[in-house]
C-alpha cells in the first residue's frame, strides 16, 4: 500500500490483469468443442498470443501472427 501512496502511477487493484486473462478463462469452456486435445492446445496457444498482443497496445495481432507463423 505504501508503494501506491509513494508512486501515483501504481494501481490499487489488479483489474487490468484480470480483464486481460478473462477471455482465455471463458474460452476454456469452449475448448471442449475443438474436436481433439491437439486442436484445443493449438487454439489456446493462438489465444494466448493474441491476448499478449492486445496487452501491448503497439503490437498489431495480425502482423505479429504473420511474422511468427508465416
N, C-alpha and C. Protein backbone atom coordinates (compact mmCIF):
# COMPACT_ATOMS: atom_id res chain seq x y z
N UNK A 1 0.83 -1.18 0.00
CA UNK A 1 0.00 0.00 0.00
C UNK A 1 0.87 1.25 0.00
N UNK A 2 1.99 1.20 0.68
CA UNK A 2 2.87 2.36 0.74
C UNK A 2 3.41 2.71 -0.65
N UNK A 3 3.68 1.69 -1.46
CA UNK A 3 4.18 1.95 -2.81
C UNK A 3 3.14 2.73 -3.63
N UNK A 4 1.86 2.40 -3.47
CA UNK A 4 0.81 3.12 -4.19
C UNK A 4 0.74 4.56 -3.73
N UNK A 5 0.96 4.80 -2.46
CA UNK A 5 0.93 6.16 -1.95
C UNK A 5 2.15 6.96 -2.42
N UNK A 6 3.29 6.29 -2.52
CA UNK A 6 4.51 6.96 -2.95
C UNK A 6 4.53 7.24 -4.45
N UNK A 7 3.99 6.32 -5.23
CA UNK A 7 4.00 6.46 -6.69
C UNK A 7 2.57 6.41 -7.20
N UNK A 8 2.05 7.55 -7.60
CA UNK A 8 0.65 7.65 -8.03
C UNK A 8 0.34 6.91 -9.32
N UNK A 9 1.37 6.45 -10.04
CA UNK A 9 1.13 5.70 -11.28
C UNK A 9 0.71 4.26 -11.02
N UNK A 10 0.97 3.76 -9.82
CA UNK A 10 0.63 2.38 -9.48
C UNK A 10 -0.85 2.26 -9.16
N UNK A 11 -1.42 1.14 -9.57
CA UNK A 11 -2.85 0.89 -9.35
C UNK A 11 -3.08 0.20 -8.01
N UNK A 12 -4.24 0.44 -7.44
CA UNK A 12 -4.61 -0.18 -6.17
C UNK A 12 -5.09 -1.61 -6.34
N UNK A 13 -5.48 -1.98 -7.54
CA UNK A 13 -6.04 -3.31 -7.75
C UNK A 13 -5.40 -3.95 -8.98
N UNK A 14 -5.83 -5.15 -9.29
CA UNK A 14 -5.29 -5.86 -10.45
C UNK A 14 -6.35 -6.06 -11.52
N UNK A 15 -7.33 -5.17 -11.60
CA UNK A 15 -8.39 -5.31 -12.60
C UNK A 15 -7.87 -5.38 -14.03
N UNK A 16 -6.89 -4.56 -14.43
CA UNK A 16 -6.40 -4.70 -15.82
C UNK A 16 -5.85 -6.10 -16.11
N UNK A 17 -5.15 -6.68 -15.18
CA UNK A 17 -4.61 -8.04 -15.39
C UNK A 17 -5.74 -9.06 -15.46
N UNK A 18 -6.72 -8.93 -14.59
CA UNK A 18 -7.85 -9.86 -14.61
C UNK A 18 -8.64 -9.72 -15.90
N UNK A 19 -8.84 -8.50 -16.37
CA UNK A 19 -9.57 -8.28 -17.61
C UNK A 19 -8.81 -8.84 -18.82
N UNK A 20 -7.48 -8.82 -18.76
CA UNK A 20 -6.68 -9.34 -19.87
C UNK A 20 -6.80 -10.85 -20.00
N UNK A 21 -6.92 -11.57 -18.89
CA UNK A 21 -6.99 -13.03 -18.96
C UNK A 21 -8.41 -13.57 -18.98
N UNK A 22 -9.41 -12.71 -18.81
CA UNK A 22 -10.80 -13.16 -18.78
C UNK A 22 -11.20 -13.91 -20.05
N UNK A 23 -10.87 -13.42 -21.27
CA UNK A 23 -11.27 -14.18 -22.46
C UNK A 23 -10.68 -15.59 -22.51
N UNK A 24 -9.46 -15.75 -22.04
CA UNK A 24 -8.85 -17.08 -22.02
C UNK A 24 -9.57 -17.97 -21.03
N UNK A 25 -9.91 -17.42 -19.88
CA UNK A 25 -10.62 -18.19 -18.87
C UNK A 25 -11.99 -18.61 -19.37
N UNK A 26 -12.70 -17.69 -20.00
CA UNK A 26 -14.02 -18.02 -20.54
C UNK A 26 -13.91 -19.00 -21.70
N UNK A 27 -12.82 -18.89 -22.46
CA UNK A 27 -12.63 -19.78 -23.60
C UNK A 27 -12.41 -21.22 -23.22
N UNK A 28 -11.97 -21.46 -22.00
CA UNK A 28 -11.74 -22.85 -21.57
C UNK A 28 -12.98 -23.71 -21.75
N UNK A 29 -14.15 -23.14 -21.53
CA UNK A 29 -15.39 -23.89 -21.71
C UNK A 29 -15.58 -24.26 -23.18
N UNK A 30 -15.15 -23.38 -24.07
CA UNK A 30 -15.32 -23.64 -25.50
C UNK A 30 -14.28 -24.60 -26.05
N UNK A 31 -13.16 -24.76 -25.37
CA UNK A 31 -12.11 -25.65 -25.86
C UNK A 31 -12.58 -27.11 -25.86
N UNK A 32 -13.62 -27.41 -25.13
CA UNK A 32 -14.16 -28.77 -25.12
C UNK A 32 -14.67 -29.18 -26.49
N UNK A 33 -15.03 -28.21 -27.32
CA UNK A 33 -15.65 -28.49 -28.61
C UNK A 33 -14.69 -28.31 -29.77
N UNK A 34 -13.40 -28.34 -29.52
CA UNK A 34 -12.39 -28.17 -30.57
C UNK A 34 -12.21 -29.43 -31.41
N UNK A 35 -12.67 -30.53 -30.95
CA UNK A 35 -12.56 -31.77 -31.70
C UNK A 35 -11.60 -32.77 -31.06
N UNK A 36 -10.41 -32.31 -30.71
CA UNK A 36 -9.46 -33.18 -30.04
C UNK A 36 -8.51 -32.35 -29.18
N UNK A 37 -7.69 -33.04 -28.42
CA UNK A 37 -6.80 -32.36 -27.47
C UNK A 37 -5.77 -31.49 -28.19
N UNK A 38 -5.23 -31.97 -29.29
CA UNK A 38 -4.21 -31.21 -30.03
C UNK A 38 -4.79 -29.91 -30.58
N UNK A 39 -6.00 -29.96 -31.13
CA UNK A 39 -6.64 -28.76 -31.66
C UNK A 39 -6.92 -27.76 -30.54
N UNK A 40 -7.33 -28.24 -29.38
CA UNK A 40 -7.58 -27.35 -28.25
C UNK A 40 -6.29 -26.71 -27.77
N UNK A 41 -5.21 -27.47 -27.75
CA UNK A 41 -3.92 -26.91 -27.35
C UNK A 41 -3.46 -25.84 -28.33
N UNK A 42 -3.63 -26.09 -29.63
CA UNK A 42 -3.26 -25.10 -30.64
C UNK A 42 -4.10 -23.83 -30.50
N UNK A 43 -5.38 -24.00 -30.26
CA UNK A 43 -6.26 -22.85 -30.09
C UNK A 43 -5.86 -22.04 -28.86
N UNK A 44 -5.50 -22.70 -27.79
CA UNK A 44 -5.12 -21.97 -26.58
C UNK A 44 -3.81 -21.20 -26.78
N UNK A 45 -2.89 -21.74 -27.56
CA UNK A 45 -1.64 -21.03 -27.86
C UNK A 45 -1.93 -19.77 -28.66
N UNK A 46 -2.76 -19.88 -29.68
CA UNK A 46 -3.09 -18.72 -30.50
C UNK A 46 -3.83 -17.68 -29.68
N UNK A 47 -4.76 -18.11 -28.83
CA UNK A 47 -5.48 -17.15 -27.97
C UNK A 47 -4.52 -16.46 -27.01
N UNK A 48 -3.56 -17.18 -26.51
CA UNK A 48 -2.57 -16.59 -25.61
C UNK A 48 -1.72 -15.55 -26.35
N UNK A 49 -1.30 -15.86 -27.57
CA UNK A 49 -0.53 -14.91 -28.37
C UNK A 49 -1.34 -13.64 -28.65
N UNK A 50 -2.62 -13.81 -28.99
CA UNK A 50 -3.46 -12.65 -29.27
C UNK A 50 -3.69 -11.81 -28.02
N UNK A 51 -3.84 -12.46 -26.88
CA UNK A 51 -4.01 -11.71 -25.63
C UNK A 51 -2.75 -10.94 -25.29
N UNK A 52 -1.59 -11.52 -25.57
CA UNK A 52 -0.33 -10.82 -25.33
C UNK A 52 -0.21 -9.60 -26.23
N UNK A 53 -0.58 -9.76 -27.50
CA UNK A 53 -0.55 -8.61 -28.42
C UNK A 53 -1.51 -7.53 -27.95
N UNK A 54 -2.66 -7.92 -27.49
CA UNK A 54 -3.64 -6.95 -27.01
C UNK A 54 -3.14 -6.22 -25.78
N UNK A 55 -2.39 -6.90 -24.93
CA UNK A 55 -1.87 -6.28 -23.71
C UNK A 55 -0.81 -5.23 -24.05
N UNK A 56 -0.07 -5.44 -25.14
CA UNK A 56 0.93 -4.47 -25.60
C UNK A 56 0.30 -3.70 -26.74
N UNK A 57 -0.18 -2.52 -26.46
CA UNK A 57 -1.02 -1.77 -27.39
C UNK A 57 -0.33 -1.42 -28.71
N UNK A 58 0.98 -1.48 -28.79
CA UNK A 58 1.66 -1.11 -30.02
C UNK A 58 1.89 -2.30 -30.96
N UNK A 59 1.35 -3.46 -30.63
CA UNK A 59 1.55 -4.66 -31.45
C UNK A 59 0.24 -5.00 -32.17
N UNK A 60 0.31 -5.07 -33.48
CA UNK A 60 -0.84 -5.46 -34.29
C UNK A 60 -0.90 -6.99 -34.32
N UNK A 61 -1.98 -7.61 -33.81
CA UNK A 61 -2.04 -9.08 -33.74
C UNK A 61 -1.89 -9.75 -35.10
N UNK A 62 -2.49 -9.20 -36.14
CA UNK A 62 -2.40 -9.81 -37.47
C UNK A 62 -0.95 -9.79 -37.97
N UNK A 63 -0.29 -8.65 -37.84
CA UNK A 63 1.11 -8.56 -38.26
C UNK A 63 1.99 -9.50 -37.45
N UNK A 64 1.73 -9.58 -36.15
CA UNK A 64 2.53 -10.45 -35.28
C UNK A 64 2.39 -11.91 -35.70
N UNK A 65 1.14 -12.35 -35.93
CA UNK A 65 0.93 -13.74 -36.33
C UNK A 65 1.53 -14.02 -37.70
N UNK A 66 1.42 -13.05 -38.63
CA UNK A 66 2.04 -13.23 -39.95
C UNK A 66 3.55 -13.36 -39.84
N UNK A 67 4.16 -12.56 -38.97
CA UNK A 67 5.61 -12.61 -38.81
C UNK A 67 6.08 -13.89 -38.12
N UNK A 68 5.32 -14.39 -37.17
CA UNK A 68 5.77 -15.55 -36.40
C UNK A 68 5.37 -16.89 -37.03
N UNK A 69 4.23 -16.96 -37.66
CA UNK A 69 3.75 -18.23 -38.20
C UNK A 69 4.16 -18.42 -39.66
N UNK A 70 4.05 -17.36 -40.44
CA UNK A 70 4.34 -17.47 -41.89
C UNK A 70 5.81 -17.52 -42.19
